[in-house]
Amino acid sequence: MLKVGLTGGIGAGKSEVSRLLVERGAVLIDADRIAREVVAPGTPGLAAVVEAFGEDVLTDDGSLDRPKLGSIVFADPEQLAVLNSIVHPLVGRRSRELEEAAAEDAVVVHDVPLLAENGLAPLYDVVIVVDADAETQLDRLVRLRGMTEEDARARMAAQASREQRRAIADVVIDNDVPLEELERRVKDVWADLVRRAGAMEGSSQEPQE
């Protein structure tokens, strides 16, 4: 099994890269999706969030009001740290369960937005960073996700810098390009991952003296 950590700044195009890798055969473990699952209504995770931030972060139907919570934590590093201390251990536990269920020869891609921020690079055989210019990120967040510029800049500022992410990368996918070019780059990266996985499998099967 090849364990791949995939990360990138918000709006860099990481989700598109993960989709293209899945099309080629990767097993995807999406930390953002799991993060939503562990704070779904009725979960201990949601109860802990409400205890920390109050019932104002709930919608009328009892689910988490993500925009409301986001406006609180992304403007206050201490509040963000509190949220992370609740959610990250739950996400980590579920991610390990999903990884253990994958085939032994799988290329398992962990889509982890805060991989650099949380010092998680040593957990993976390969770290891929999807990178884009800050203005490209901002444009995508405002134009495609409907964020205000202020909210988008706050979320970008709450994450690691481009330099910090690139410093931990084994592979950098520059995504200031059209989709067709991104697809070509991901195809090349996938070929490299398959080669690495094959090399690992071969070495694990060498006879012991």
N, C-alpha and C. Protein backbone atom coordinates (compact mmCIF):
# COMPACT_ATOMS: atom_id res chain seq x y z
N MET A 1 0.84 -1.20 0.00
CA MET A 1 0.00 0.00 0.00
C MET A 1 0.87 1.24 0.00
N LEU A 2 0.56 2.16 -0.90
CA LEU A 2 1.25 3.44 -0.94
C LEU A 2 0.34 4.49 -0.31
N LYS A 3 0.82 5.14 0.75
CA LYS A 3 0.03 6.15 1.45
C LYS A 3 0.44 7.53 0.96
N VAL A 4 -0.52 8.22 0.36
CA VAL A 4 -0.26 9.52 -0.24
C VAL A 4 -1.02 10.59 0.53
N GLY A 5 -0.32 11.64 0.90
CA GLY A 5 -0.97 12.79 1.51
C GLY A 5 -1.15 13.86 0.45
N LEU A 6 -2.38 14.29 0.23
CA LEU A 6 -2.69 15.32 -0.78
C LEU A 6 -3.19 16.57 -0.07
N THR A 7 -2.56 17.70 -0.35
CA THR A 7 -2.98 18.92 0.30
C THR A 7 -2.83 20.10 -0.64
N GLY A 8 -3.29 21.25 -0.21
CA GLY A 8 -3.21 22.47 -1.01
C GLY A 8 -4.05 23.54 -0.35
N GLY A 9 -3.74 24.78 -0.64
CA GLY A 9 -4.51 25.87 -0.08
C GLY A 9 -5.94 25.87 -0.59
N ILE A 10 -6.83 26.48 0.18
CA ILE A 10 -8.23 26.57 -0.22
C ILE A 10 -8.31 27.28 -1.57
N GLY A 11 -9.04 26.69 -2.50
CA GLY A 11 -9.17 27.28 -3.82
C GLY A 11 -8.05 26.93 -4.79
N ALA A 12 -7.11 26.09 -4.35
CA ALA A 12 -5.99 25.73 -5.24
C ALA A 12 -6.39 24.66 -6.26
N GLY A 13 -7.48 23.93 -5.99
CA GLY A 13 -7.92 22.91 -6.92
C GLY A 13 -7.64 21.49 -6.46
N LYS A 14 -7.44 21.32 -5.18
CA LYS A 14 -7.13 20.00 -4.62
C LYS A 14 -8.24 19.00 -4.87
N SER A 15 -9.48 19.42 -4.77
CA SER A 15 -10.61 18.50 -4.97
C SER A 15 -10.64 17.98 -6.40
N GLU A 16 -10.29 18.83 -7.36
CA GLU A 16 -10.25 18.41 -8.75
C GLU A 16 -9.14 17.37 -8.96
N VAL A 17 -8.00 17.59 -8.33
CA VAL A 17 -6.90 16.63 -8.43
C VAL A 17 -7.29 15.31 -7.81
N SER A 18 -7.94 15.34 -6.65
CA SER A 18 -8.35 14.08 -6.01
C SER A 18 -9.35 13.34 -6.89
N ARG A 19 -10.25 14.07 -7.54
CA ARG A 19 -11.23 13.44 -8.44
C ARG A 19 -10.51 12.74 -9.60
N LEU A 20 -9.53 13.40 -10.16
CA LEU A 20 -8.79 12.82 -11.29
C LEU A 20 -7.98 11.60 -10.85
N LEU A 21 -7.46 11.61 -9.64
CA LEU A 21 -6.72 10.45 -9.14
C LEU A 21 -7.65 9.27 -8.91
N VAL A 22 -8.83 9.55 -8.40
CA VAL A 22 -9.81 8.47 -8.19
C VAL A 22 -10.20 7.85 -9.53
N GLU A 23 -10.38 8.67 -10.56
CA GLU A 23 -10.70 8.15 -11.89
C GLU A 23 -9.64 7.17 -12.39
N ARG A 24 -8.42 7.35 -11.93
CA ARG A 24 -7.32 6.48 -12.37
C ARG A 24 -7.09 5.29 -11.45
N GLY A 25 -7.87 5.22 -10.37
CA GLY A 25 -7.80 4.02 -9.53
C GLY A 25 -7.40 4.23 -8.08
N ALA A 26 -7.17 5.47 -7.68
CA ALA A 26 -6.79 5.73 -6.28
C ALA A 26 -7.97 5.47 -5.35
N VAL A 27 -7.64 5.06 -4.12
CA VAL A 27 -8.63 4.98 -3.04
C VAL A 27 -8.55 6.30 -2.29
N LEU A 28 -9.65 7.05 -2.26
CA LEU A 28 -9.65 8.38 -1.65
C LEU A 28 -10.21 8.33 -0.24
N ILE A 29 -9.47 8.95 0.68
CA ILE A 29 -9.95 9.18 2.04
C ILE A 29 -9.97 10.69 2.23
N ASP A 30 -11.18 11.25 2.22
CA ASP A 30 -11.39 12.70 2.18
C ASP A 30 -11.60 13.23 3.60
N ALA A 31 -10.61 13.93 4.14
CA ALA A 31 -10.69 14.42 5.51
C ALA A 31 -11.84 15.40 5.70
N ASP A 32 -12.12 16.23 4.69
CA ASP A 32 -13.22 17.19 4.80
C ASP A 32 -14.57 16.47 4.91
N ARG A 33 -14.75 15.44 4.09
CA ARG A 33 -16.00 14.68 4.14
C ARG A 33 -16.15 13.98 5.49
N ILE A 34 -15.07 13.40 5.96
CA ILE A 34 -15.11 12.74 7.27
C ILE A 34 -15.39 13.76 8.37
N ALA A 35 -14.80 14.95 8.23
CA ALA A 35 -15.02 16.00 9.22
C ALA A 35 -16.49 16.38 9.32
N ARG A 36 -17.19 16.31 8.19
CA ARG A 36 -18.63 16.59 8.22
C ARG A 36 -19.38 15.44 8.89
N GLU A 37 -18.93 14.21 8.62
CA GLU A 37 -19.60 13.04 9.19
C GLU A 37 -19.49 13.00 10.71
N VAL A 38 -18.32 13.37 11.24
CA VAL A 38 -18.11 13.23 12.69
C VAL A 38 -18.81 14.31 13.50
N VAL A 39 -19.37 15.32 12.83
CA VAL A 39 -20.17 16.33 13.55
C VAL A 39 -21.60 16.35 13.02
N ALA A 40 -22.04 15.22 12.46
CA ALA A 40 -23.43 15.12 12.01
C ALA A 40 -24.35 15.10 13.23
N PRO A 41 -25.64 15.42 13.04
CA PRO A 41 -26.59 15.40 14.16
C PRO A 41 -26.58 14.06 14.89
N GLY A 42 -26.55 14.15 16.21
CA GLY A 42 -26.58 12.94 17.03
C GLY A 42 -25.21 12.36 17.36
N THR A 43 -24.14 12.95 16.82
CA THR A 43 -22.81 12.41 17.09
C THR A 43 -22.18 13.07 18.32
N PRO A 44 -21.26 12.34 18.97
CA PRO A 44 -20.52 12.95 20.09
C PRO A 44 -19.72 14.18 19.63
N GLY A 45 -19.27 14.17 18.36
CA GLY A 45 -18.51 15.30 17.85
C GLY A 45 -19.32 16.59 17.84
N LEU A 46 -20.56 16.49 17.39
CA LEU A 46 -21.40 17.69 17.37
C LEU A 46 -21.70 18.15 18.79
N ALA A 47 -21.93 17.23 19.70
CA ALA A 47 -22.18 17.60 21.09
C ALA A 47 -20.99 18.35 21.67
N ALA A 48 -19.78 17.93 21.34
CA ALA A 48 -18.58 18.60 21.84
C ALA A 48 -18.44 19.99 21.24
N VAL A 49 -18.78 20.14 19.96
CA VAL A 49 -18.71 21.46 19.32
C VAL A 49 -19.71 22.42 19.98
N VAL A 50 -20.91 21.94 20.23
CA VAL A 50 -21.94 22.79 20.86
C VAL A 50 -21.51 23.18 22.27
N GLU A 51 -20.89 22.24 22.98
CA GLU A 51 -20.42 22.56 24.33
C GLU A 51 -19.36 23.65 24.29
N ALA A 52 -18.52 23.63 23.26
CA ALA A 52 -17.44 24.61 23.17
C ALA A 52 -17.90 25.96 22.64
N PHE A 53 -18.85 25.96 21.69
CA PHE A 53 -19.21 27.19 20.99
C PHE A 53 -20.63 27.67 21.22
N GLY A 54 -21.45 26.85 21.89
CA GLY A 54 -22.81 27.25 22.17
C GLY A 54 -23.79 26.82 21.10
N GLU A 55 -25.05 26.85 21.43
CA GLU A 55 -26.09 26.38 20.52
C GLU A 55 -26.34 27.33 19.35
N ASP A 56 -25.72 28.49 19.38
CA ASP A 56 -25.86 29.43 18.26
C ASP A 56 -25.23 28.88 16.97
N VAL A 57 -24.39 27.85 17.10
CA VAL A 57 -23.75 27.30 15.89
C VAL A 57 -24.59 26.17 15.29
N LEU A 58 -25.83 26.02 15.77
CA LEU A 58 -26.75 25.03 15.21
C LEU A 58 -27.80 25.72 14.35
N THR A 59 -28.25 25.04 13.31
CA THR A 59 -29.36 25.51 12.51
C THR A 59 -30.67 25.11 13.20
N ASP A 60 -31.77 25.52 12.64
CA ASP A 60 -33.07 25.21 13.25
C ASP A 60 -33.35 23.72 13.31
N ASP A 61 -32.77 22.94 12.38
CA ASP A 61 -33.02 21.50 12.39
C ASP A 61 -32.01 20.72 13.23
N GLY A 62 -31.13 21.44 13.94
CA GLY A 62 -30.20 20.78 14.85
C GLY A 62 -28.88 20.37 14.23
N SER A 63 -28.66 20.71 12.95
CA SER A 63 -27.38 20.39 12.33
C SER A 63 -26.42 21.57 12.51
N LEU A 64 -25.15 21.32 12.19
CA LEU A 64 -24.15 22.35 12.38
C LEU A 64 -24.29 23.45 11.33
N ASP A 65 -24.30 24.68 11.80
CA ASP A 65 -24.34 25.84 10.91
C ASP A 65 -22.90 26.17 10.53
N ARG A 66 -22.43 25.60 9.42
CA ARG A 66 -21.02 25.73 9.06
C ARG A 66 -20.59 27.17 8.76
N PRO A 67 -21.39 27.93 8.02
CA PRO A 67 -20.98 29.33 7.80
C PRO A 67 -20.85 30.11 9.11
N LYS A 68 -21.77 29.88 10.04
CA LYS A 68 -21.72 30.59 11.33
C LYS A 68 -20.46 30.19 12.10
N LEU A 69 -20.21 28.90 12.18
CA LEU A 69 -19.03 28.44 12.90
C LEU A 69 -17.76 28.93 12.21
N GLY A 70 -17.76 28.89 10.87
CA GLY A 70 -16.59 29.35 10.12
C GLY A 70 -16.28 30.82 10.39
N SER A 71 -17.32 31.64 10.48
CA SER A 71 -17.11 33.06 10.73
C SER A 71 -16.49 33.31 12.10
N ILE A 72 -16.71 32.37 13.02
CA ILE A 72 -16.13 32.49 14.37
C ILE A 72 -14.67 32.05 14.38
N VAL A 73 -14.43 30.85 13.86
CA VAL A 73 -13.09 30.26 14.04
C VAL A 73 -12.04 30.82 13.09
N PHE A 74 -12.44 31.21 11.87
CA PHE A 74 -11.43 31.69 10.94
C PHE A 74 -11.02 33.13 11.22
N ALA A 75 -11.70 33.78 12.13
CA ALA A 75 -11.32 35.12 12.54
C ALA A 75 -10.56 35.12 13.87
N ASP A 76 -10.39 33.94 14.48
CA ASP A 76 -9.78 33.85 15.81
C ASP A 76 -8.96 32.56 15.90
N PRO A 77 -7.64 32.65 15.84
CA PRO A 77 -6.80 31.45 15.89
C PRO A 77 -7.04 30.57 17.12
N GLU A 78 -7.35 31.18 18.26
CA GLU A 78 -7.58 30.39 19.47
C GLU A 78 -8.86 29.56 19.34
N GLN A 79 -9.89 30.16 18.77
CA GLN A 79 -11.14 29.43 18.56
C GLN A 79 -10.95 28.32 17.53
N LEU A 80 -10.15 28.60 16.51
CA LEU A 80 -9.87 27.58 15.50
C LEU A 80 -9.14 26.40 16.13
N ALA A 81 -8.22 26.69 17.04
CA ALA A 81 -7.49 25.62 17.72
C ALA A 81 -8.43 24.76 18.57
N VAL A 82 -9.41 25.39 19.18
CA VAL A 82 -10.40 24.64 19.98
C VAL A 82 -11.18 23.68 19.08
N LEU A 83 -11.65 24.20 17.94
CA LEU A 83 -12.40 23.36 17.01
C LEU A 83 -11.54 22.20 16.51
N ASN A 84 -10.31 22.50 16.16
CA ASN A 84 -9.43 21.45 15.64
C ASN A 84 -9.17 20.37 16.69
N SER A 85 -9.08 20.77 17.95
CA SER A 85 -8.82 19.79 19.01
C SER A 85 -9.99 18.83 19.19
N ILE A 86 -11.17 19.25 18.77
CA ILE A 86 -12.35 18.38 18.84
C ILE A 86 -12.43 17.48 17.61
N VAL A 87 -12.28 18.08 16.44
CA VAL A 87 -12.57 17.38 15.19
C VAL A 87 -11.41 16.49 14.73
N HIS A 88 -10.18 16.96 14.85
CA HIS A 88 -9.05 16.23 14.26
C HIS A 88 -8.88 14.81 14.80
N PRO A 89 -8.97 14.59 16.12
CA PRO A 89 -8.83 13.20 16.60
C PRO A 89 -9.92 12.28 16.04
N LEU A 90 -11.13 12.78 15.90
CA LEU A 90 -12.22 11.98 15.34
C LEU A 90 -11.97 11.66 13.88
N VAL A 91 -11.48 12.64 13.14
CA VAL A 91 -11.18 12.43 11.72
C VAL A 91 -10.04 11.42 11.58
N GLY A 92 -9.02 11.55 12.41
CA GLY A 92 -7.89 10.64 12.35
C GLY A 92 -8.28 9.20 12.59
N ARG A 93 -9.15 8.99 13.56
CA ARG A 93 -9.59 7.64 13.89
C ARG A 93 -10.36 7.01 12.72
N ARG A 94 -11.28 7.78 12.14
CA ARG A 94 -12.06 7.27 11.02
C ARG A 94 -11.19 7.05 9.79
N SER A 95 -10.22 7.92 9.55
CA SER A 95 -9.32 7.77 8.40
C SER A 95 -8.53 6.47 8.51
N ARG A 96 -8.06 6.15 9.70
CA ARG A 96 -7.31 4.91 9.89
C ARG A 96 -8.18 3.69 9.62
N GLU A 97 -9.43 3.75 10.02
CA GLU A 97 -10.35 2.64 9.75
C GLU A 97 -10.51 2.41 8.25
N LEU A 98 -10.68 3.50 7.50
CA LEU A 98 -10.86 3.38 6.06
C LEU A 98 -9.59 2.90 5.37
N GLU A 99 -8.44 3.35 5.85
CA GLU A 99 -7.17 2.91 5.26
C GLU A 99 -6.98 1.42 5.47
N GLU A 100 -7.30 0.94 6.65
CA GLU A 100 -7.13 -0.48 6.96
C GLU A 100 -8.05 -1.35 6.12
N ALA A 101 -9.14 -0.78 5.61
CA ALA A 101 -10.08 -1.54 4.79
C ALA A 101 -9.66 -1.61 3.32
N ALA A 102 -8.66 -0.82 2.93
CA ALA A 102 -8.22 -0.80 1.52
C ALA A 102 -7.36 -2.02 1.21
N ALA A 103 -7.28 -2.36 -0.08
CA ALA A 103 -6.47 -3.50 -0.52
C ALA A 103 -4.99 -3.25 -0.24
N GLU A 104 -4.25 -4.33 -0.09
CA GLU A 104 -2.84 -4.22 0.27
C GLU A 104 -2.01 -3.51 -0.81
N ASP A 105 -2.42 -3.63 -2.07
CA ASP A 105 -1.65 -3.02 -3.16
C ASP A 105 -2.24 -1.68 -3.62
N ALA A 106 -3.13 -1.11 -2.83
CA ALA A 106 -3.81 0.13 -3.22
C ALA A 106 -2.90 1.35 -3.12
N VAL A 107 -3.20 2.36 -3.95
CA VAL A 107 -2.66 3.70 -3.75
C VAL A 107 -3.74 4.48 -3.01
N VAL A 108 -3.49 4.72 -1.74
CA VAL A 108 -4.48 5.37 -0.88
C VAL A 108 -4.14 6.85 -0.75
N VAL A 109 -5.03 7.70 -1.23
CA VAL A 109 -4.80 9.14 -1.22
C VAL A 109 -5.63 9.76 -0.08
N HIS A 110 -4.92 10.33 0.87
CA HIS A 110 -5.56 11.05 1.97
C HIS A 110 -5.64 12.53 1.59
N ASP A 111 -6.83 13.02 1.35
CA ASP A 111 -7.07 14.42 1.03
C ASP A 111 -7.16 15.18 2.35
N VAL A 112 -6.09 15.90 2.71
CA VAL A 112 -5.98 16.53 4.02
C VAL A 112 -5.68 18.02 3.87
N PRO A 113 -6.68 18.89 4.01
CA PRO A 113 -6.44 20.32 3.81
C PRO A 113 -5.36 20.90 4.72
N LEU A 114 -5.30 20.47 5.97
CA LEU A 114 -4.37 21.05 6.94
C LEU A 114 -3.17 20.15 7.21
N LEU A 115 -2.72 19.45 6.20
CA LEU A 115 -1.60 18.53 6.36
C LEU A 115 -0.34 19.27 6.82
N ALA A 116 -0.04 20.39 6.19
CA ALA A 116 1.15 21.15 6.55
C ALA A 116 1.00 21.78 7.94
N GLU A 117 -0.16 22.35 8.20
CA GLU A 117 -0.39 23.05 9.47
C GLU A 117 -0.25 22.12 10.67
N ASN A 118 -0.65 20.87 10.48
CA ASN A 118 -0.65 19.93 11.62
C ASN A 118 0.56 19.00 11.63
N GLY A 119 1.55 19.27 10.79
CA GLY A 119 2.78 18.49 10.80
C GLY A 119 2.59 17.02 10.49
N LEU A 120 1.71 16.71 9.52
CA LEU A 120 1.35 15.32 9.25
C LEU A 120 2.16 14.67 8.13
N ALA A 121 3.06 15.41 7.51
CA ALA A 121 3.80 14.86 6.37
C ALA A 121 4.48 13.52 6.66
N PRO A 122 5.06 13.31 7.86
CA PRO A 122 5.74 12.02 8.12
C PRO A 122 4.81 10.80 8.09
N LEU A 123 3.51 11.02 8.11
CA LEU A 123 2.58 9.89 8.10
C LEU A 123 2.45 9.25 6.72
N TYR A 124 2.96 9.90 5.68
CA TYR A 124 2.71 9.46 4.31
C TYR A 124 4.00 9.10 3.59
N ASP A 125 3.87 8.18 2.64
CA ASP A 125 5.02 7.80 1.80
C ASP A 125 5.34 8.90 0.80
N VAL A 126 4.31 9.58 0.33
CA VAL A 126 4.46 10.66 -0.65
C VAL A 126 3.51 11.79 -0.27
N VAL A 127 3.99 13.02 -0.32
CA VAL A 127 3.14 14.19 -0.09
C VAL A 127 3.02 14.96 -1.40
N ILE A 128 1.78 15.14 -1.86
CA ILE A 128 1.50 15.93 -3.06
C ILE A 128 0.87 17.25 -2.64
N VAL A 129 1.42 18.34 -3.12
CA VAL A 129 0.86 19.66 -2.85
C VAL A 129 0.31 20.24 -4.15
N VAL A 130 -0.97 20.60 -4.13
CA VAL A 130 -1.58 21.31 -5.26
C VAL A 130 -1.42 22.80 -4.98
N ASP A 131 -0.77 23.48 -5.89
CA ASP A 131 -0.40 24.87 -5.64
C ASP A 131 -1.01 25.79 -6.69
N ALA A 132 -1.37 26.99 -6.26
CA ALA A 132 -1.89 28.00 -7.18
C ALA A 132 -1.54 29.38 -6.62
N ASP A 133 -1.45 30.35 -7.50
CA ASP A 133 -1.20 31.73 -7.09
C ASP A 133 -2.33 32.22 -6.19
N ALA A 134 -1.99 33.08 -5.24
CA ALA A 134 -2.99 33.57 -4.27
C ALA A 134 -4.15 34.27 -4.96
N GLU A 135 -3.88 35.00 -6.03
CA GLU A 135 -4.96 35.69 -6.75
C GLU A 135 -5.87 34.68 -7.46
N THR A 136 -5.29 33.58 -7.91
CA THR A 136 -6.10 32.52 -8.51
C THR A 136 -7.01 31.90 -7.46
N GLN A 137 -6.46 31.65 -6.29
CA GLN A 137 -7.27 31.10 -5.20
C GLN A 137 -8.42 32.04 -4.86
N LEU A 138 -8.09 33.31 -4.70
CA LEU A 138 -9.10 34.30 -4.32
C LEU A 138 -10.21 34.38 -5.36
N ASP A 139 -9.84 34.39 -6.62
CA ASP A 139 -10.83 34.45 -7.70
C ASP A 139 -11.76 33.24 -7.65
N ARG A 140 -11.20 32.05 -7.45
CA ARG A 140 -12.02 30.85 -7.42
C ARG A 140 -12.98 30.86 -6.23
N LEU A 141 -12.50 31.33 -5.08
CA LEU A 141 -13.35 31.33 -3.89
C LEU A 141 -14.51 32.31 -4.02
N VAL A 142 -14.23 33.48 -4.60
CA VAL A 142 -15.27 34.50 -4.74
C VAL A 142 -16.21 34.17 -5.89
N ARG A 143 -15.64 33.79 -7.02
CA ARG A 143 -16.43 33.59 -8.24
C ARG A 143 -17.16 32.25 -8.25
N LEU A 144 -16.48 31.19 -7.79
CA LEU A 144 -17.06 29.86 -7.89
C LEU A 144 -17.77 29.41 -6.62
N ARG A 145 -17.29 29.86 -5.46
CA ARG A 145 -17.89 29.42 -4.20
C ARG A 145 -18.80 30.48 -3.57
N GLY A 146 -18.79 31.68 -4.15
CA GLY A 146 -19.69 32.71 -3.65
C GLY A 146 -19.28 33.34 -2.33
N MET A 147 -18.01 33.21 -1.94
CA MET A 147 -17.54 33.85 -0.71
C MET A 147 -17.36 35.34 -0.92
N THR A 148 -17.44 36.08 0.15
CA THR A 148 -17.02 37.47 0.08
C THR A 148 -15.49 37.50 0.04
N GLU A 149 -14.95 38.56 -0.49
CA GLU A 149 -13.49 38.66 -0.55
C GLU A 149 -12.90 38.64 0.86
N GLU A 150 -13.56 39.29 1.81
CA GLU A 150 -13.06 39.33 3.18
C GLU A 150 -13.01 37.92 3.79
N ASP A 151 -14.08 37.15 3.60
CA ASP A 151 -14.13 35.80 4.14
C ASP A 151 -13.07 34.92 3.46
N ALA A 152 -12.93 35.06 2.16
CA ALA A 152 -11.96 34.26 1.42
C ALA A 152 -10.54 34.55 1.89
N ARG A 153 -10.22 35.84 2.07
CA ARG A 153 -8.88 36.19 2.52
C ARG A 153 -8.62 35.69 3.94
N ALA A 154 -9.65 35.72 4.80
CA ALA A 154 -9.49 35.23 6.17
C ALA A 154 -9.19 33.74 6.18
N ARG A 155 -9.89 32.99 5.35
CA ARG A 155 -9.67 31.55 5.29
C ARG A 155 -8.29 31.22 4.72
N MET A 156 -7.87 31.97 3.73
CA MET A 156 -6.54 31.76 3.18
C MET A 156 -5.46 32.08 4.22
N ALA A 157 -5.68 33.16 4.97
CA ALA A 157 -4.69 33.57 5.97
C ALA A 157 -4.59 32.58 7.13
N ALA A 158 -5.67 31.84 7.38
CA ALA A 158 -5.68 30.87 8.48
C ALA A 158 -4.90 29.61 8.14
N GLN A 159 -4.53 29.45 6.88
CA GLN A 159 -3.81 28.25 6.45
C GLN A 159 -2.31 28.53 6.33
N ALA A 160 -1.56 27.45 6.12
CA ALA A 160 -0.12 27.58 5.90
C ALA A 160 0.13 28.40 4.64
N SER A 161 1.32 28.98 4.55
CA SER A 161 1.69 29.73 3.35
C SER A 161 2.05 28.76 2.22
N ARG A 162 2.09 29.29 1.03
CA ARG A 162 2.51 28.46 -0.12
C ARG A 162 3.90 27.88 0.13
N GLU A 163 4.79 28.69 0.67
CA GLU A 163 6.16 28.25 0.91
C GLU A 163 6.21 27.11 1.92
N GLN A 164 5.39 27.21 2.96
CA GLN A 164 5.35 26.14 3.96
C GLN A 164 4.84 24.83 3.37
N ARG A 165 3.82 24.91 2.52
CA ARG A 165 3.31 23.70 1.90
C ARG A 165 4.32 23.10 0.93
N ARG A 166 4.91 23.94 0.11
CA ARG A 166 5.86 23.43 -0.89
C ARG A 166 7.09 22.81 -0.22
N ALA A 167 7.42 23.28 0.98
CA ALA A 167 8.60 22.77 1.68
C ALA A 167 8.44 21.31 2.10
N ILE A 168 7.21 20.84 2.26
CA ILE A 168 6.99 19.45 2.69
C ILE A 168 6.63 18.54 1.52
N ALA A 169 6.60 19.09 0.31
CA ALA A 169 6.10 18.34 -0.85
C ALA A 169 7.16 17.42 -1.44
N ASP A 170 6.74 16.22 -1.77
CA ASP A 170 7.54 15.35 -2.64
C ASP A 170 7.19 15.63 -4.10
N VAL A 171 5.94 16.01 -4.32
CA VAL A 171 5.44 16.33 -5.66
C VAL A 171 4.61 17.61 -5.57
N VAL A 172 4.85 18.55 -6.46
CA VAL A 172 4.03 19.77 -6.53
C VAL A 172 3.30 19.77 -7.87
N ILE A 173 1.97 19.94 -7.80
CA ILE A 173 1.17 20.09 -9.01
C ILE A 173 0.75 21.56 -9.10
N ASP A 174 1.35 22.29 -10.02
CA ASP A 174 0.99 23.71 -10.20
C ASP A 174 -0.33 23.76 -10.96
N ASN A 175 -1.31 24.46 -10.38
CA ASN A 175 -2.66 24.45 -10.96
C ASN A 175 -3.13 25.84 -11.36
N ASP A 176 -2.23 26.65 -11.89
CA ASP A 176 -2.64 27.89 -12.54
C ASP A 176 -2.77 27.62 -14.03
N VAL A 177 -3.49 26.54 -14.36
CA VAL A 177 -3.56 26.07 -15.75
C VAL A 177 -4.98 25.65 -16.08
N PRO A 178 -5.31 25.54 -17.38
CA PRO A 178 -6.62 25.02 -17.77
C PRO A 178 -6.78 23.55 -17.35
N LEU A 179 -8.02 23.10 -17.31
CA LEU A 179 -8.31 21.74 -16.86
C LEU A 179 -7.58 20.69 -17.69
N GLU A 180 -7.50 20.92 -19.00
CA GLU A 180 -6.86 19.93 -19.87
C GLU A 180 -5.40 19.71 -19.48
N GLU A 181 -4.71 20.81 -19.15
CA GLU A 181 -3.31 20.70 -18.73
C GLU A 181 -3.21 20.04 -17.35
N LEU A 182 -4.15 20.37 -16.46
CA LEU A 182 -4.16 19.73 -15.14
C LEU A 182 -4.32 18.22 -15.29
N GLU A 183 -5.21 17.80 -16.17
CA GLU A 183 -5.42 16.38 -16.39
C GLU A 183 -4.13 15.69 -16.85
N ARG A 184 -3.39 16.35 -17.74
CA ARG A 184 -2.13 15.78 -18.21
C ARG A 184 -1.13 15.65 -17.07
N ARG A 185 -1.06 16.68 -16.22
CA ARG A 185 -0.12 16.64 -15.09
C ARG A 185 -0.50 15.55 -14.09
N VAL A 186 -1.78 15.41 -13.82
CA VAL A 186 -2.21 14.37 -12.88
C VAL A 186 -1.95 12.98 -13.45
N LYS A 187 -2.12 12.83 -14.75
CA LYS A 187 -1.82 11.55 -15.39
C LYS A 187 -0.36 11.17 -15.16
N ASP A 188 0.55 12.13 -15.30
CA ASP A 188 1.97 11.87 -15.07
C ASP A 188 2.24 11.53 -13.61
N VAL A 189 1.58 12.24 -12.71
CA VAL A 189 1.76 11.98 -11.28
C VAL A 189 1.25 10.58 -10.93
N TRP A 190 0.12 10.21 -11.51
CA TRP A 190 -0.44 8.88 -11.23
C TRP A 190 0.52 7.78 -11.68
N ALA A 191 1.12 7.96 -12.84
CA ALA A 191 2.08 6.97 -13.33
C ALA A 191 3.24 6.83 -12.34
N ASP A 192 3.67 7.94 -11.77
CA ASP A 192 4.75 7.92 -10.79
C ASP A 192 4.30 7.21 -9.51
N LEU A 193 3.07 7.45 -9.07
CA LEU A 193 2.57 6.80 -7.86
C LEU A 193 2.47 5.29 -8.05
N VAL A 194 2.00 4.88 -9.21
CA VAL A 194 1.90 3.44 -9.50
C VAL A 194 3.29 2.80 -9.49
N ARG A 195 4.26 3.51 -10.06
CA ARG A 195 5.64 3.01 -10.06
C ARG A 195 6.16 2.86 -8.64
N ARG A 196 5.92 3.87 -7.82
CA ARG A 196 6.37 3.81 -6.42
C ARG A 196 5.69 2.68 -5.67
N ALA A 197 4.39 2.51 -5.90
CA ALA A 197 3.65 1.44 -5.22
C ALA A 197 4.20 0.08 -5.61
N GLY A 198 4.50 -0.07 -6.89
CA GLY A 198 5.07 -1.34 -7.37
C GLY A 198 6.43 -1.61 -6.76
N ALA A 199 7.25 -0.56 -6.64
CA ALA A 199 8.57 -0.72 -6.05
C ALA A 199 8.47 -1.12 -4.58
N MET A 200 7.51 -0.52 -3.87
CA MET A 200 7.32 -0.86 -2.45
C MET A 200 6.86 -2.30 -2.30
N GLU A 201 5.92 -2.72 -3.18
CA GLU A 201 5.41 -4.07 -3.09
C GLU A 201 6.51 -5.08 -3.40
N GLY A 202 7.34 -4.75 -4.39
CA GLY A 202 8.43 -5.65 -4.74
C GLY A 202 9.43 -5.81 -3.62
N SER A 203 9.76 -4.68 -2.95
CA SER A 203 10.74 -4.75 -1.88
C SER A 203 10.20 -5.50 -0.69
N SER A 204 8.87 -5.41 -0.47
CA SER A 204 8.28 -6.11 0.68
C SER A 204 8.24 -7.60 0.47
N GLN A 205 8.36 -8.05 -0.82
CA GLN A 205 8.28 -9.45 -1.11
C GLN A 205 9.65 -10.11 -1.24
N GLU A 206 10.73 -9.30 -1.06
CA GLU A 206 12.07 -9.88 -1.15
C GLU A 206 12.29 -10.86 -0.01
N PRO A 207 12.92 -12.01 -0.28
CA PRO A 207 13.14 -13.01 0.78
C PRO A 207 14.09 -12.48 1.84
N GLN A 208 13.78 -12.83 3.07
CA GLN A 208 14.63 -12.43 4.19
C GLN A 208 15.77 -13.42 4.35
N GLU A 209 16.98 -12.90 4.59
CA GLU A 209 18.12 -13.79 4.78
C GLU A 209 18.16 -14.29 6.23
